[in-house]
Amino acid sequence: MRKLLTNNLGLKLLSVIAAVMLWLVIVSMNDPVAYQDFSGIRVTMLNEDAVTDKDKVYRIEDNSDIISVRVQAKRSVLQKLSSEDFTATADMEKNIKLDNLVGIEVVCSDRNVRTADITKSRENVVISIEDALSDQFNVVVNQSGTEGDGYKVGTAVPEQSLIQISGPASVIAEIGRVEVDLNVTGFTTDQIKNCAIKILDRNNRQIDTTYLEYNGKTTGMNVHVTMYKKKTVRLRVDYTGTPGDGYSFKELTFKPETLEIAGTEEDIADLREITIPGEAVNIDGITEDTQINVDVTKYLPENIRLGNEKDASVAVEVTLEKKQGKTIRIPVEEIELRNEPRGLQIDFGKLSEVEIVVMGTSAELGELKEDQIAVSLDLDTYSKAGTYTRALEVELPQVYDLMQEVQVEFKLVKRTAAGNNNSNH
């Protein structure tokens, strides 16, 4: 038997080797080595405190923490792999180079893939390191959407009026505004709504918040919303002042004539009218029809808001009418004499009446009666006989004006017995 096994031993070994090689060739033909690319692999940054413990922060530049790899392995191995089977890390304590490069290491969870079989699309994560900064900012509620019919947001108050934000100094310096977005569509009751925080620069462009931290806030901020009930009320507009010479006030119109207001049911229950006071519409000295735009929100009662903010500006139209003149003849004997000097009497000579031109609108002049006009002559400065000229004093109802002063010439003469008997003054 032993002789049988050892006879032609070399030839037998050669046959075994040939068989093995043939098997390897067959296996290789059925499962060849190939290459495959895997993308979208995020690099995990390790030991970040190597930077952050020095009051510094870092930012990843140009999405350099997203890589792809090419793997050399048997086809049967490659077919079972996906991007999730690769772990990429960049150790900021061990692998940082040139202050802005962190070396990338990649391993595969499949033991059939060696590190040497993996080719990375890039070798380093590119970072920028700068000083850390923290600052406080006001929080503004940015409201959108339409409330339920008959209701209006009364107050929308964020749980924090200030928020502390920390991050790279260059990013903090860009912040111009912090908003929380509140969508009030369909709201009819008081409620608390969690809203997303939005950071804007001074040009109202949204800032990338990847490297920012909010003090205690990661999932948004609660906003306390109080809803008001709407109601329509009348609008009344007063005015003050007098138009310029030769013009009279005719009428005042305004739009809108009613206002939709909003408030708590208690606050609006007895409210029927909103008044714009005369101080807001001053027509003193105007000589043409004029439009005055008034911000009605200044005159709303406390805790009352407009139901529609578009109604905030009320357009007030003031229409004037050019005055006309009407001549009124007053007999001289109807002129009231005041402070007649003792021992003297007045003599108007041939003057039997004086003409007074009263200015007003046609409607006003049509209503004017002579007994509404009082004409007098004050003689308080005269004590001697002589010839004098003085302006008459004319009293008219408030809506009328005197076109011009009326001068009258008269004499003061010694009083006679007949004058005493005939005098009515």
Protein backbone atom coordinates (compact mmCIF):
# COMPACT_ATOMS: atom_id res chain seq x y z
CA MET A 1 0.00 0.00 0.00
CA ARG A 2 2.79 2.36 0.94
CA LYS A 3 4.47 1.61 -2.32
CA LEU A 4 1.27 2.43 -4.14
CA LEU A 5 1.05 5.88 -2.48
CA THR A 6 4.68 6.84 -3.03
CA ASN A 7 4.93 5.55 -6.57
CA ASN A 8 5.09 8.51 -9.02
CA LEU A 9 4.70 11.00 -6.11
CA GLY A 10 5.87 14.00 -8.10
CA LEU A 11 3.34 13.38 -10.79
CA LYS A 12 0.57 13.07 -8.24
CA LEU A 13 1.51 16.36 -6.51
CA LEU A 14 1.57 18.13 -9.83
CA SER A 15 -1.93 16.83 -10.52
CA VAL A 16 -3.21 18.17 -7.18
CA ILE A 17 -1.69 21.59 -7.81
CA ALA A 18 -3.17 21.68 -11.28
CA ALA A 19 -6.60 20.80 -9.88
CA VAL A 20 -6.41 23.58 -7.28
CA MET A 21 -5.37 26.14 -9.87
CA LEU A 22 -8.15 25.04 -12.16
CA TRP A 23 -10.62 25.46 -9.28
CA LEU A 24 -9.30 28.96 -8.56
CA VAL A 25 -9.65 29.93 -12.20
CA ILE A 26 -13.22 28.68 -12.29
CA VAL A 27 -14.08 30.50 -9.04
CA SER A 28 -12.45 33.70 -10.30
CA MET A 29 -14.42 33.55 -13.49
CA ASN A 30 -17.68 33.20 -11.54
CA ASP A 31 -16.84 35.87 -8.85
CA PRO A 32 -14.32 38.34 -10.32
CA VAL A 33 -12.77 41.32 -8.47
CA ALA A 34 -14.43 44.61 -9.43
CA TYR A 35 -14.74 48.29 -8.45
CA GLN A 36 -17.84 50.15 -7.18
CA ASP A 37 -18.46 53.73 -6.04
CA PHE A 38 -20.49 54.67 -2.95
CA SER A 39 -21.50 58.32 -2.41
CA GLY A 40 -23.17 60.56 0.15
CA ILE A 41 -21.04 59.41 3.09
CA ARG A 42 -20.98 62.02 5.88
CA VAL A 43 -17.79 62.43 7.87
CA THR A 44 -18.23 62.46 11.66
CA MET A 45 -16.04 65.02 13.40
CA LEU A 46 -14.32 63.61 16.50
CA ASN A 47 -12.81 65.41 19.51
CA GLU A 48 -14.36 68.80 18.62
CA ASP A 49 -13.43 70.05 22.09
CA ALA A 50 -9.83 70.28 20.89
CA VAL A 51 -11.07 73.53 19.25
CA THR A 52 -14.16 74.54 21.26
CA ASP A 53 -12.39 74.37 24.63
CA LYS A 54 -10.25 77.30 23.48
CA ASP A 55 -13.28 79.65 23.02
CA LYS A 56 -13.15 78.95 19.32
CA VAL A 57 -15.67 77.53 16.89
CA TYR A 58 -15.18 75.86 13.56
CA ARG A 59 -17.14 75.67 10.33
CA ILE A 60 -16.92 73.05 7.61
CA GLU A 61 -16.22 74.65 4.26
CA ASP A 62 -17.67 73.69 0.86
CA ASN A 63 -19.51 70.59 2.16
CA SER A 64 -16.14 68.90 2.47
CA ASP A 65 -17.59 66.54 5.12
CA ILE A 66 -19.56 64.70 2.41
CA ILE A 67 -17.40 62.21 0.51
CA SER A 68 -17.64 59.23 -1.83
CA VAL A 69 -15.45 56.11 -1.90
CA ARG A 70 -14.38 53.59 -4.55
CA VAL A 71 -14.06 50.00 -3.30
CA GLN A 72 -12.09 47.11 -4.85
CA ALA A 73 -13.56 43.72 -3.87
CA LYS A 74 -15.14 40.62 -5.23
CA ARG A 75 -18.39 41.15 -6.99
CA SER A 76 -20.26 39.00 -4.45
CA VAL A 77 -19.00 41.32 -1.67
CA LEU A 78 -19.76 44.52 -3.54
CA GLN A 79 -23.33 43.43 -4.23
CA LYS A 80 -24.07 43.34 -0.50
CA LEU A 81 -22.63 46.81 0.27
CA SER A 82 -24.33 50.25 0.54
CA SER A 83 -23.15 53.69 1.64
CA GLU A 84 -24.42 52.94 5.16
CA ASP A 85 -21.76 50.23 5.54
CA PHE A 86 -18.97 52.84 5.57
CA THR A 87 -17.99 54.95 8.57
CA ALA A 88 -15.96 58.09 7.90
CA THR A 89 -14.36 60.07 10.72
CA ALA A 90 -12.09 63.08 11.08
CA ASP A 91 -10.30 63.39 14.41
CA MET A 92 -9.75 67.07 15.26
CA GLU A 93 -7.24 66.16 17.94
CA LYS A 94 -5.08 63.64 16.04
CA ASN A 95 -5.50 64.43 12.36
CA ILE A 96 -5.59 68.25 12.09
CA LYS A 97 -3.12 69.72 9.60
CA LEU A 98 -2.24 73.29 8.63
CA ASP A 99 -4.92 74.55 11.05
CA ASN A 100 -7.69 74.01 8.50
CA LEU A 101 -7.41 70.40 7.28
CA VAL A 102 -8.58 67.34 9.20
CA GLY A 103 -7.60 63.94 7.81
CA ILE A 104 -10.40 61.51 6.93
CA GLU A 105 -10.38 57.83 7.86
CA VAL A 106 -12.87 55.35 6.38
CA VAL A 107 -13.65 51.81 7.50
CA CYS A 108 -16.19 49.30 6.20
CA SER A 109 -18.38 47.12 8.40
CA ASP A 110 -17.81 44.17 6.05
CA ARG A 111 -14.57 42.42 7.08
CA ASN A 112 -14.02 41.31 3.50
CA VAL A 113 -13.23 44.95 2.63
CA ARG A 114 -9.86 46.14 3.88
CA THR A 115 -8.91 49.76 4.39
CA ALA A 116 -6.40 49.34 1.60
CA ASP A 117 -9.29 48.43 -0.73
CA ILE A 118 -11.01 51.81 -0.17
CA THR A 119 -10.12 54.93 -2.19
CA LYS A 120 -11.57 58.24 -0.84
CA SER A 121 -12.77 61.09 -3.05
CA ARG A 122 -10.87 63.48 -0.75
CA GLU A 123 -8.37 63.08 2.04
CA ASN A 124 -9.34 65.99 4.31
CA VAL A 125 -12.27 67.91 5.70
CA VAL A 126 -11.63 71.64 5.14
CA ILE A 127 -12.53 73.79 8.16
CA SER A 128 -12.27 77.42 9.23
CA ILE A 129 -11.63 78.28 12.87
CA GLU A 130 -12.61 81.61 14.44
CA ASP A 131 -13.53 83.22 17.75
CA ALA A 132 -16.81 82.20 19.40
CA LEU A 133 -19.31 84.97 20.21
CA SER A 134 -22.59 85.14 22.10
CA ASP A 135 -25.19 87.93 21.92
CA GLN A 136 -28.85 88.65 22.72
CA PHE A 137 -31.52 89.55 20.15
CA ASN A 138 -35.16 90.64 20.28
CA VAL A 139 -37.65 88.03 19.13
CA VAL A 140 -40.29 89.23 16.65
CA VAL A 141 -43.41 87.22 15.77
CA ASN A 142 -43.89 87.01 11.99
CA GLN A 143 -47.60 86.32 11.48
CA SER A 144 -49.07 84.71 8.36
CA GLY A 145 -52.32 83.06 7.34
CA THR A 146 -55.97 84.09 7.84
CA GLU A 147 -57.82 83.75 11.12
CA GLY A 148 -61.25 82.13 11.37
CA ASP A 149 -64.27 84.21 10.28
CA GLY A 150 -65.07 86.98 12.73
CA TYR A 151 -61.79 86.74 14.63
CA LYS A 152 -58.49 88.59 14.74
CA VAL A 153 -55.20 87.90 16.51
CA GLY A 154 -55.12 90.31 19.43
CA THR A 155 -51.72 89.51 20.87
CA ALA A 156 -49.01 87.05 19.85
CA VAL A 157 -46.32 87.00 22.54
CA PRO A 158 -43.23 84.76 22.33
CA GLU A 159 -42.29 82.98 25.54
CA GLN A 160 -38.97 84.85 25.41
CA SER A 161 -38.71 88.45 24.25
CA LEU A 162 -34.92 88.00 24.07
CA ILE A 163 -32.90 85.03 22.89
CA GLN A 164 -29.20 84.39 23.38
CA ILE A 165 -27.42 83.04 20.31
CA SER A 166 -23.88 81.66 20.25
CA GLY A 167 -21.71 80.80 17.28
CA PRO A 168 -18.92 82.02 14.98
CA ALA A 169 -18.25 85.73 15.47
CA SER A 170 -18.61 86.43 11.75
CA VAL A 171 -22.08 84.84 11.67
CA ILE A 172 -23.29 86.53 14.86
CA ALA A 173 -22.22 89.89 13.37
CA GLU A 174 -24.49 89.31 10.36
CA ILE A 175 -27.66 88.81 12.42
CA GLY A 176 -30.15 91.65 11.95
CA ARG A 177 -33.42 90.09 13.08
CA VAL A 178 -34.76 87.02 14.87
CA GLU A 179 -38.27 85.88 13.96
CA VAL A 180 -40.62 83.11 14.91
CA ASP A 181 -43.06 82.17 12.14
CA LEU A 182 -46.68 81.99 13.32
CA ASN A 183 -49.35 80.64 10.95
CA VAL A 184 -52.77 81.65 12.32
CA THR A 185 -54.94 80.04 9.65
CA GLY A 186 -58.35 79.16 11.12
CA PHE A 187 -57.58 80.41 14.66
CA THR A 188 -60.68 81.30 16.74
CA THR A 189 -59.52 80.56 20.29
CA ASP A 190 -56.61 81.47 22.54
CA GLN A 191 -53.77 78.96 22.24
CA ILE A 192 -50.06 78.24 22.52
CA LYS A 193 -48.24 77.45 19.28
CA ASN A 194 -44.70 76.13 18.90
CA CYS A 195 -43.04 78.09 16.08
CA ALA A 196 -39.81 77.72 14.13
CA ILE A 197 -37.02 80.20 14.84
CA LYS A 198 -35.70 82.06 11.79
CA ILE A 199 -32.52 84.14 11.72
CA LEU A 200 -32.26 86.95 9.14
CA ASP A 201 -29.46 89.30 8.17
CA ARG A 202 -29.88 93.06 7.74
CA ASN A 203 -31.10 92.53 4.17
CA ASN A 204 -33.81 90.12 5.39
CA ARG A 205 -32.00 87.13 3.91
CA GLN A 206 -32.09 83.92 5.92
CA ILE A 207 -28.83 82.97 7.64
CA ASP A 208 -27.51 79.40 7.74
CA THR A 209 -27.98 78.35 11.37
CA THR A 210 -25.90 75.14 11.19
CA TYR A 211 -23.25 76.50 13.52
CA LEU A 212 -25.52 78.58 15.78
CA GLU A 213 -26.80 77.54 19.19
CA TYR A 214 -29.88 79.05 20.87
CA ASN A 215 -29.97 79.32 24.63
CA GLY A 216 -32.10 76.32 25.61
CA LYS A 217 -34.00 76.25 22.31
CA THR A 218 -33.61 73.47 19.77
CA THR A 219 -37.14 72.75 18.51
CA GLY A 220 -38.61 76.26 18.21
CA MET A 221 -40.29 78.70 20.58
CA ASN A 222 -43.80 78.78 22.03
CA VAL A 223 -45.98 81.78 21.14
CA HIS A 224 -48.98 82.64 23.34
CA VAL A 225 -51.84 83.76 21.07
CA THR A 226 -54.88 85.74 22.27
CA MET A 227 -57.79 85.97 19.85
CA TYR A 228 -60.09 89.03 19.54
CA LYS A 229 -63.67 89.19 18.28
CA LYS A 230 -64.42 91.47 15.31
CA LYS A 231 -67.15 94.14 15.13
CA THR A 232 -68.14 96.88 12.66
CA VAL A 233 -68.69 100.41 14.07
CA ARG A 234 -69.39 103.87 12.65
CA LEU A 235 -66.60 106.36 12.00
CA ARG A 236 -67.04 110.05 12.83
CA VAL A 237 -64.59 112.76 11.77
CA ASP A 238 -64.43 116.26 13.30
CA TYR A 239 -62.42 119.24 12.08
CA THR A 240 -61.00 122.50 13.38
CA GLY A 241 -59.93 125.76 11.81
CA THR A 242 -61.29 128.25 9.29
CA PRO A 243 -60.49 128.33 5.56
CA GLY A 244 -58.49 131.22 4.10
CA ASP A 245 -60.01 134.58 3.17
CA GLY A 246 -62.74 134.37 0.59
CA TYR A 247 -63.54 130.70 1.23
CA SER A 248 -66.02 128.86 3.36
CA PHE A 249 -66.23 125.25 4.53
CA LYS A 250 -68.80 123.32 2.50
CA GLU A 251 -68.57 119.66 3.46
CA LEU A 252 -66.36 116.89 4.79
CA THR A 253 -66.44 113.34 3.47
CA PHE A 254 -64.27 110.35 4.34
CA LYS A 255 -63.60 106.74 3.46
CA PRO A 256 -64.08 104.23 4.92
CA GLU A 257 -67.28 105.36 6.65
CA THR A 258 -67.27 102.34 8.95
CA LEU A 259 -64.45 100.48 10.66
CA GLU A 260 -64.02 96.84 11.50
CA ILE A 261 -62.49 96.67 14.95
CA ALA A 262 -61.38 93.77 17.12
CA GLY A 263 -61.18 93.30 20.86
CA THR A 264 -62.33 91.12 23.70
CA GLU A 265 -66.09 90.67 23.85
CA GLU A 266 -66.15 92.77 27.03
CA ASP A 267 -64.20 95.67 25.47
CA ILE A 268 -66.28 95.90 22.28
CA ALA A 269 -69.72 95.24 23.76
CA ASP A 270 -70.71 98.92 24.17
CA LEU A 271 -68.50 100.41 21.46
CA ARG A 272 -70.57 101.89 18.60
CA GLU A 273 -68.40 104.65 17.14
CA ILE A 274 -64.79 105.69 16.63
CA THR A 275 -64.14 109.44 16.50
CA ILE A 276 -61.24 111.16 14.78
CA PRO A 277 -60.88 114.45 16.73
CA GLY A 278 -60.77 117.88 15.12
CA GLU A 279 -57.08 118.29 15.88
CA ALA A 280 -56.35 115.63 13.24
CA VAL A 281 -58.18 117.55 10.49
CA ASN A 282 -57.11 121.19 10.70
CA ILE A 283 -58.39 123.26 7.76
CA ASP A 284 -57.10 126.59 9.01
CA GLY A 285 -56.07 128.85 6.11
CA ILE A 286 -56.69 126.39 3.24
CA THR A 287 -57.96 127.91 -0.02
CA GLU A 288 -58.68 124.80 -2.09
CA ASP A 289 -60.31 121.42 -1.73
CA THR A 290 -57.94 119.27 0.32
CA GLN A 291 -57.42 115.60 1.14
CA ILE A 292 -55.99 114.75 4.55
CA ASN A 293 -54.94 111.17 5.33
CA VAL A 294 -55.36 110.29 8.99
CA ASP A 295 -53.93 107.27 10.82
CA VAL A 296 -57.01 106.08 12.69
CA THR A 297 -55.03 103.67 14.88
CA LYS A 298 -53.94 106.67 16.99
CA TYR A 299 -57.53 107.21 18.07
CA LEU A 300 -58.59 103.66 18.89
CA PRO A 301 -59.55 102.99 22.52
CA GLU A 302 -57.14 101.02 24.67
CA ASN A 303 -56.99 97.29 23.88
CA ILE A 304 -58.87 97.80 20.58
CA ARG A 305 -57.30 96.91 17.23
CA LEU A 306 -58.39 97.24 13.63
CA GLY A 307 -60.01 94.16 12.17
CA ASN A 308 -58.37 94.98 8.84
CA GLU A 309 -55.03 96.78 8.90
CA LYS A 310 -55.75 98.19 5.41
CA ASP A 311 -58.31 100.53 7.03
CA ALA A 312 -55.63 102.25 9.13
CA SER A 313 -55.46 105.24 6.76
CA VAL A 314 -58.70 107.24 6.52
CA ALA A 315 -58.90 109.61 3.52
CA VAL A 316 -60.70 112.81 4.59
CA GLU A 317 -61.88 115.10 1.76
CA VAL A 318 -62.53 118.73 2.68
CA THR A 319 -64.60 120.67 0.13
CA LEU A 320 -64.64 124.49 0.14
CA GLU A 321 -66.93 127.04 -1.46
CA LYS A 322 -65.78 130.42 -2.65
CA LYS A 323 -67.59 133.15 -0.77
CA GLN A 324 -69.83 135.73 -2.48
CA GLY A 325 -70.68 139.25 -1.45
CA LYS A 326 -74.09 140.65 -0.51
CA THR A 327 -74.64 144.37 -0.05
CA ILE A 328 -76.73 145.37 2.96
CA ARG A 329 -77.89 149.00 3.35
CA ILE A 330 -78.17 150.22 6.91
CA PRO A 331 -79.96 153.57 7.59
CA VAL A 332 -77.73 155.89 9.61
CA GLU A 333 -80.41 156.26 12.25
CA GLU A 334 -79.98 152.50 12.99
CA ILE A 335 -76.30 152.93 13.80
CA GLU A 336 -75.85 152.55 17.53
CA LEU A 337 -73.80 155.38 19.00
CA ARG A 338 -71.54 154.54 21.91
CA ASN A 339 -69.78 156.86 24.37
CA GLU A 340 -71.25 160.08 22.96
CA PRO A 341 -69.32 163.08 24.32
CA ARG A 342 -71.28 165.30 26.69
CA GLY A 343 -72.72 168.41 25.10
CA LEU A 344 -72.11 167.23 21.55
CA GLN A 345 -74.29 165.48 19.03
CA ILE A 346 -73.53 163.68 15.78
CA ASP A 347 -74.43 164.98 12.34
CA PHE A 348 -74.09 162.62 9.31
CA GLY A 349 -74.91 165.46 6.91
CA LYS A 350 -76.43 164.19 3.66
CA LEU A 351 -75.50 160.57 4.43
CA SER A 352 -78.74 158.63 4.86
CA GLU A 353 -77.42 155.04 4.82
CA VAL A 354 -74.23 153.02 4.76
CA GLU A 355 -73.46 149.99 2.58
CA ILE A 356 -72.02 146.86 4.15
CA VAL A 357 -70.79 143.99 1.93
CA VAL A 358 -71.20 140.67 3.76
CA MET A 359 -69.27 137.60 2.50
CA GLY A 360 -70.62 134.05 2.62
CA THR A 361 -71.74 131.12 0.51
CA SER A 362 -74.84 131.50 -1.60
CA ALA A 363 -76.79 129.30 0.82
CA GLU A 364 -75.56 131.26 3.84
CA LEU A 365 -76.33 134.63 2.26
CA GLY A 366 -79.81 133.43 1.37
CA GLU A 367 -80.48 132.86 5.06
CA LEU A 368 -79.03 136.19 6.26
CA LYS A 369 -81.48 138.66 7.80
CA GLU A 370 -80.76 142.33 8.45
CA ASP A 371 -81.75 142.07 12.08
CA GLN A 372 -78.81 139.68 12.53
CA ILE A 373 -76.43 142.54 11.80
CA ALA A 374 -75.46 145.04 14.51
CA VAL A 375 -73.70 148.26 13.42
CA SER A 376 -72.23 150.71 15.93
CA LEU A 377 -69.97 153.76 16.09
CA ASP A 378 -67.77 154.27 19.13
CA LEU A 379 -67.12 157.95 19.96
CA ASP A 380 -64.99 157.37 23.05
CA THR A 381 -61.95 159.26 21.71
CA TYR A 382 -63.81 162.41 20.74
CA SER A 383 -64.47 165.34 23.08
CA LYS A 384 -64.55 168.39 20.81
CA ALA A 385 -66.70 169.55 17.97
CA GLY A 386 -65.27 168.84 14.52
CA THR A 387 -65.35 166.66 11.43
CA TYR A 388 -64.14 163.08 11.80
CA THR A 389 -63.86 159.74 9.92
CA ARG A 390 -64.01 156.41 11.71
CA ALA A 391 -64.65 152.74 10.91
CA LEU A 392 -67.98 151.32 11.92
CA GLU A 393 -68.06 148.27 14.18
CA VAL A 394 -70.07 145.50 12.51
CA GLU A 395 -71.16 142.36 14.32
CA LEU A 396 -72.17 139.41 12.11
CA PRO A 397 -73.14 135.79 12.80
CA GLN A 398 -70.06 133.55 12.95
CA VAL A 399 -70.32 132.08 9.45
CA TYR A 400 -70.15 135.51 7.75
CA ASP A 401 -67.29 137.88 7.08
CA LEU A 402 -67.16 141.57 6.32
CA MET A 403 -65.64 142.22 2.90
CA GLN A 404 -63.88 145.36 4.11
CA GLU A 405 -64.04 148.02 6.77
CA VAL A 406 -66.77 150.60 6.36
CA GLN A 407 -65.54 154.14 7.05
CA VAL A 408 -68.08 156.82 7.83
CA GLU A 409 -67.60 160.62 7.92
CA PHE A 410 -69.49 162.65 10.51
CA LYS A 411 -69.47 165.86 12.45
CA LEU A 412 -69.75 166.50 16.14
CA VAL A 413 -71.65 169.71 16.88
CA LYS A 414 -72.97 171.38 19.96
CA ARG A 415 -76.14 169.77 21.13
CA THR A 416 -79.28 171.89 20.71
CA ALA A 417 -82.60 171.62 22.47
CA ALA A 418 -84.10 170.15 19.29
CA GLY A 419 -81.23 167.71 19.14
CA ASN A 420 -81.92 166.67 22.70
CA ASN A 421 -85.58 166.10 21.89
CA ASN A 422 -84.90 164.19 18.65
CA SER A 423 -81.92 162.13 19.82
CA ASN A 424 -82.55 158.39 20.01
CA HIS A 425 -78.94 157.50 20.94
